[in-house]
Amino acid sequence: MTHHIDNRQTQRNAKPTYEVASHCKKNGIDKSEARKIVQMLGRFASRHELEVNAPPRKPKFRY
């Protein structure tokens, strides 16, 4: 799926987007949760969207 983007319509300081699947893999999110996030956000999303929609992390305790 490709789109033509007119250069006059883009912003100069556009926020970077990240690939959702690689972000989930890097942060240890299991495959079922990653599939839900991809369905909700699409293949690419901003960092804020990824952090807000990520499942809560399990605490790591040291004894």
N, C-alpha and C. Protein backbone atom coordinates (compact mmCIF):
# COMPACT_ATOMS: atom_id res chain seq x y z
N MET A 1 0.84 -1.16 0.00
CA MET A 1 0.00 0.00 0.00
C MET A 1 0.89 1.23 0.00
N THR A 2 0.92 1.94 -1.09
CA THR A 2 1.74 3.14 -1.18
C THR A 2 0.86 4.34 -1.46
N HIS A 3 1.32 5.48 -1.00
CA HIS A 3 0.59 6.72 -1.20
C HIS A 3 1.56 7.77 -1.73
N HIS A 4 1.06 8.62 -2.59
CA HIS A 4 1.85 9.75 -3.04
C HIS A 4 1.70 10.87 -2.02
N ILE A 5 2.83 11.40 -1.56
CA ILE A 5 2.81 12.48 -0.59
C ILE A 5 3.34 13.73 -1.25
N ASP A 6 2.54 14.76 -1.25
CA ASP A 6 2.95 16.04 -1.80
C ASP A 6 3.89 16.71 -0.80
N ASN A 7 5.04 17.18 -1.25
CA ASN A 7 6.02 17.78 -0.36
C ASN A 7 5.48 19.02 0.35
N ARG A 8 4.52 19.68 -0.23
CA ARG A 8 3.98 20.88 0.39
C ARG A 8 3.05 20.56 1.55
N GLN A 9 2.62 19.32 1.67
CA GLN A 9 1.70 18.94 2.73
C GLN A 9 2.41 18.41 3.98
N THR A 10 3.67 18.09 3.89
CA THR A 10 4.39 17.51 5.03
C THR A 10 4.90 18.61 5.95
N GLN A 11 5.11 18.24 7.19
CA GLN A 11 5.64 19.18 8.17
C GLN A 11 7.16 19.05 8.21
N ARG A 12 7.82 20.14 8.50
CA ARG A 12 9.27 20.08 8.57
C ARG A 12 9.75 19.32 9.80
N ASN A 13 9.06 19.47 10.91
CA ASN A 13 9.47 18.79 12.14
C ASN A 13 8.49 17.67 12.47
N ALA A 14 8.34 16.75 11.55
CA ALA A 14 7.43 15.62 11.74
C ALA A 14 8.02 14.66 12.77
N LYS A 15 7.16 14.06 13.57
CA LYS A 15 7.63 13.12 14.59
C LYS A 15 8.01 11.80 13.95
N PRO A 16 9.07 11.17 14.44
CA PRO A 16 9.47 9.89 13.85
C PRO A 16 8.46 8.79 14.18
N THR A 17 8.32 7.84 13.28
CA THR A 17 7.45 6.71 13.51
C THR A 17 8.30 5.46 13.64
N TYR A 18 7.79 4.48 14.35
CA TYR A 18 8.51 3.25 14.62
C TYR A 18 7.67 2.07 14.16
N GLU A 19 8.34 0.99 13.77
CA GLU A 19 7.63 -0.21 13.37
C GLU A 19 7.14 -0.92 14.62
N VAL A 20 5.86 -1.21 14.67
CA VAL A 20 5.23 -1.74 15.87
C VAL A 20 5.75 -3.14 16.20
N ALA A 21 5.90 -4.00 15.19
CA ALA A 21 6.34 -5.37 15.44
C ALA A 21 7.74 -5.42 16.03
N SER A 22 8.66 -4.63 15.50
CA SER A 22 10.02 -4.63 16.03
C SER A 22 10.07 -4.02 17.43
N HIS A 23 9.23 -3.03 17.69
CA HIS A 23 9.17 -2.43 19.02
C HIS A 23 8.70 -3.46 20.06
N CYS A 24 7.67 -4.24 19.68
CA CYS A 24 7.16 -5.26 20.59
C CYS A 24 8.20 -6.34 20.85
N LYS A 25 8.91 -6.74 19.80
CA LYS A 25 9.94 -7.76 19.97
C LYS A 25 11.07 -7.25 20.86
N LYS A 26 11.46 -6.00 20.66
CA LYS A 26 12.56 -5.42 21.43
C LYS A 26 12.20 -5.28 22.91
N ASN A 27 10.92 -5.00 23.20
CA ASN A 27 10.50 -4.77 24.58
C ASN A 27 9.91 -6.01 25.25
N GLY A 28 9.97 -7.16 24.60
CA GLY A 28 9.54 -8.40 25.21
C GLY A 28 8.04 -8.56 25.37
N ILE A 29 7.28 -7.98 24.46
CA ILE A 29 5.83 -8.13 24.49
C ILE A 29 5.49 -9.41 23.74
N ASP A 30 4.66 -10.27 24.35
CA ASP A 30 4.36 -11.55 23.73
C ASP A 30 3.56 -11.38 22.44
N LYS A 31 3.52 -12.46 21.65
CA LYS A 31 2.97 -12.38 20.30
C LYS A 31 1.49 -12.03 20.26
N SER A 32 0.71 -12.53 21.22
CA SER A 32 -0.72 -12.22 21.20
C SER A 32 -0.98 -10.74 21.49
N GLU A 33 -0.25 -10.17 22.44
CA GLU A 33 -0.38 -8.74 22.72
C GLU A 33 0.14 -7.91 21.55
N ALA A 34 1.23 -8.36 20.93
CA ALA A 34 1.78 -7.63 19.78
C ALA A 34 0.78 -7.61 18.63
N ARG A 35 0.08 -8.72 18.42
CA ARG A 35 -0.93 -8.79 17.36
C ARG A 35 -2.05 -7.79 17.63
N LYS A 36 -2.47 -7.67 18.89
CA LYS A 36 -3.53 -6.72 19.24
C LYS A 36 -3.08 -5.28 19.00
N ILE A 37 -1.83 -4.99 19.34
CA ILE A 37 -1.32 -3.63 19.16
C ILE A 37 -1.20 -3.30 17.68
N VAL A 38 -0.77 -4.26 16.87
CA VAL A 38 -0.66 -4.03 15.42
C VAL A 38 -2.04 -3.80 14.82
N GLN A 39 -3.03 -4.55 15.27
CA GLN A 39 -4.39 -4.34 14.76
C GLN A 39 -4.93 -2.98 15.16
N MET A 40 -4.57 -2.53 16.35
CA MET A 40 -5.09 -1.26 16.84
C MET A 40 -4.38 -0.06 16.20
N LEU A 41 -3.04 -0.11 16.08
CA LEU A 41 -2.28 1.04 15.62
C LEU A 41 -1.83 0.97 14.16
N GLY A 42 -1.77 -0.22 13.60
CA GLY A 42 -1.24 -0.38 12.25
C GLY A 42 0.23 -0.76 12.32
N ARG A 43 0.90 -0.79 11.18
CA ARG A 43 2.31 -1.22 11.14
C ARG A 43 3.26 -0.21 11.76
N PHE A 44 2.93 1.07 11.68
CA PHE A 44 3.81 2.12 12.18
C PHE A 44 3.05 3.01 13.15
N ALA A 45 3.75 3.48 14.19
CA ALA A 45 3.13 4.35 15.18
C ALA A 45 4.20 5.23 15.82
N SER A 46 3.76 6.29 16.47
CA SER A 46 4.70 7.16 17.17
C SER A 46 5.10 6.51 18.50
N ARG A 47 6.15 7.00 19.08
CA ARG A 47 6.65 6.45 20.34
C ARG A 47 5.61 6.60 21.45
N HIS A 48 4.92 7.72 21.47
CA HIS A 48 3.91 7.95 22.50
C HIS A 48 2.77 6.94 22.39
N GLU A 49 2.29 6.69 21.18
CA GLU A 49 1.23 5.70 21.00
C GLU A 49 1.67 4.31 21.44
N LEU A 50 2.91 3.96 21.15
CA LEU A 50 3.41 2.65 21.55
C LEU A 50 3.51 2.52 23.06
N GLU A 51 4.01 3.55 23.72
CA GLU A 51 4.17 3.48 25.17
C GLU A 51 2.83 3.49 25.89
N VAL A 52 1.87 4.25 25.40
CA VAL A 52 0.56 4.33 26.05
C VAL A 52 -0.20 3.02 25.91
N ASN A 53 -0.10 2.37 24.76
CA ASN A 53 -0.88 1.17 24.50
C ASN A 53 -0.16 -0.13 24.85
N ALA A 54 1.06 -0.04 25.36
CA ALA A 54 1.78 -1.26 25.75
C ALA A 54 1.17 -1.83 27.03
N PRO A 55 1.18 -3.16 27.15
CA PRO A 55 0.64 -3.76 28.38
C PRO A 55 1.56 -3.45 29.55
N PRO A 56 1.03 -3.46 30.78
CA PRO A 56 1.89 -3.17 31.94
C PRO A 56 2.97 -4.23 32.08
N ARG A 57 4.14 -3.80 32.50
CA ARG A 57 5.28 -4.71 32.66
C ARG A 57 5.20 -5.41 34.00
N LYS A 58 5.72 -6.62 34.03
CA LYS A 58 5.80 -7.35 35.28
C LYS A 58 6.97 -6.78 36.09
N PRO A 59 6.80 -6.63 37.41
CA PRO A 59 7.89 -6.08 38.22
C PRO A 59 9.05 -7.08 38.31
N LYS A 60 10.25 -6.54 38.36
CA LYS A 60 11.45 -7.38 38.49
C LYS A 60 11.99 -7.14 39.90
N PHE A 61 11.83 -8.11 40.75
CA PHE A 61 12.30 -7.99 42.11
C PHE A 61 13.65 -8.67 42.28
N ARG A 62 14.48 -8.08 43.08
CA ARG A 62 15.76 -8.71 43.41
C ARG A 62 15.71 -9.13 44.87
N TYR A 63 16.20 -10.31 45.15
CA TYR A 63 16.24 -10.78 46.54
C TYR A 63 17.64 -11.01 46.98
